[in-house]
Amino acid sequence: MIYLHDGHIRSLGIDWRRLTGIAEAVVRERDRGACVSPVKTYLRYGDRTNRIIAMPAYVGGSFGLAGIKWVAGFPGNIRRGLPRASNAIVLNDAQSGIPYAFVRSGLLNGLRAAAVSGLMLQAYLEARRPEEVRLGIVGWGPIGRLHLDMCAALLGDRLKRATLFDLRPIDPQTIPVRLRGIVDIADDWRAAYRASDVFATCTVSAERYVDEAPPAGSLLLNVSLRDYEPGSVHGKAAPIVDDWAEVCRENTDIERLHAECGLVESDALTLADVVCRGALRPIPAGKPIFFNPMGLGVFDIAIAGDYARRAAELGVGIALEDGC
């Protein structure tokens, strides 16, 4: 069995086109029925803002991977100088069920989130074909930083400006040197929101704060899922989900839209509709797109499996002995 941590993942490299390609392949396998991903189980105890989530999954087709992601989200950890999210993945041989890799990597959690956002971004670029893009990110934690890196890689010269906002002061030294010339730090989320063609919420906000309509034609990457007042997007933006059953619960913006505005599953497109059936193209160019990815274990297992395979080929990682 092989053990991998963040350092091993970094040594193997971060290639955003490779990662979004994996996400796209998973969507296509899932759309044709080659994946199994039971609805997540949430474990809560004590402080109800904390949770540990179990995400078992099987990815078929060319992947042939099974496993489980066990991810903890403890928002109060930030005040204690600890990571908000802690992630562990066990990969099993799909034929025998025998575990062959253990991956303890918060980085991998962020890579999956940004790769799925990147897949939606690519579809948006193909459908809308903008000559230049202004990016806004609210939340400058690990997920926000990975989203800036991903957007910069996929947009290239089309990325003209990026505006960042966080409730905590943003240290300019945390912005990659190559991007500092086009990155602004805002004093208010509205500055990032109003100036953006692509806007990503990467927060741990306990209260919804986005209370105005999105810019015309924008792509809203609602990564943190609980930032938008229902009235700000209802009837104004086209809702897209990775999986309705997953995302219409746990006090997400989609659940609020369902409960307060009558949004139902047939009103929303899915990521599979976008990737496999070009569902963004018929949407009027001026209508914003509201992407809500709850996060599916199939993506985590596929990306972890790719890193584990390359680690084995390159001799990266720590071998664990079988004590049987």
Foldseek 3Di string as FASTA:
>chain_A
DFEAEAVLVVVVHDDLVVLLVLVLVQLVQVVVPQKDWDFKDWDDDDPRLKTWIKTWMAGDDPQQKTWIKIKIAQPCVVVVVHDRMWIKIWIARNPPRHTDYIYTYPLLVLSLLLSLVLNVVVLLCVQQVDQAWEEEEEDPDSNRQVNVVSCCNVCPPRYQAYEYEYPDDDDLVVHDPVCSVRYHYDPDSVVRQAVGQEYEYDDSDPAADAEAAGFFQHEYHDSNQHHHDLVRPVVQAAEEEQDCVRNLDPNGSNVCCCVPVVDDPVSHHYPSCCSVVVVVNVPDNGGYYYYDYSDHVSSSRSVVSVSVVVCVVVVGGDDDDDPD
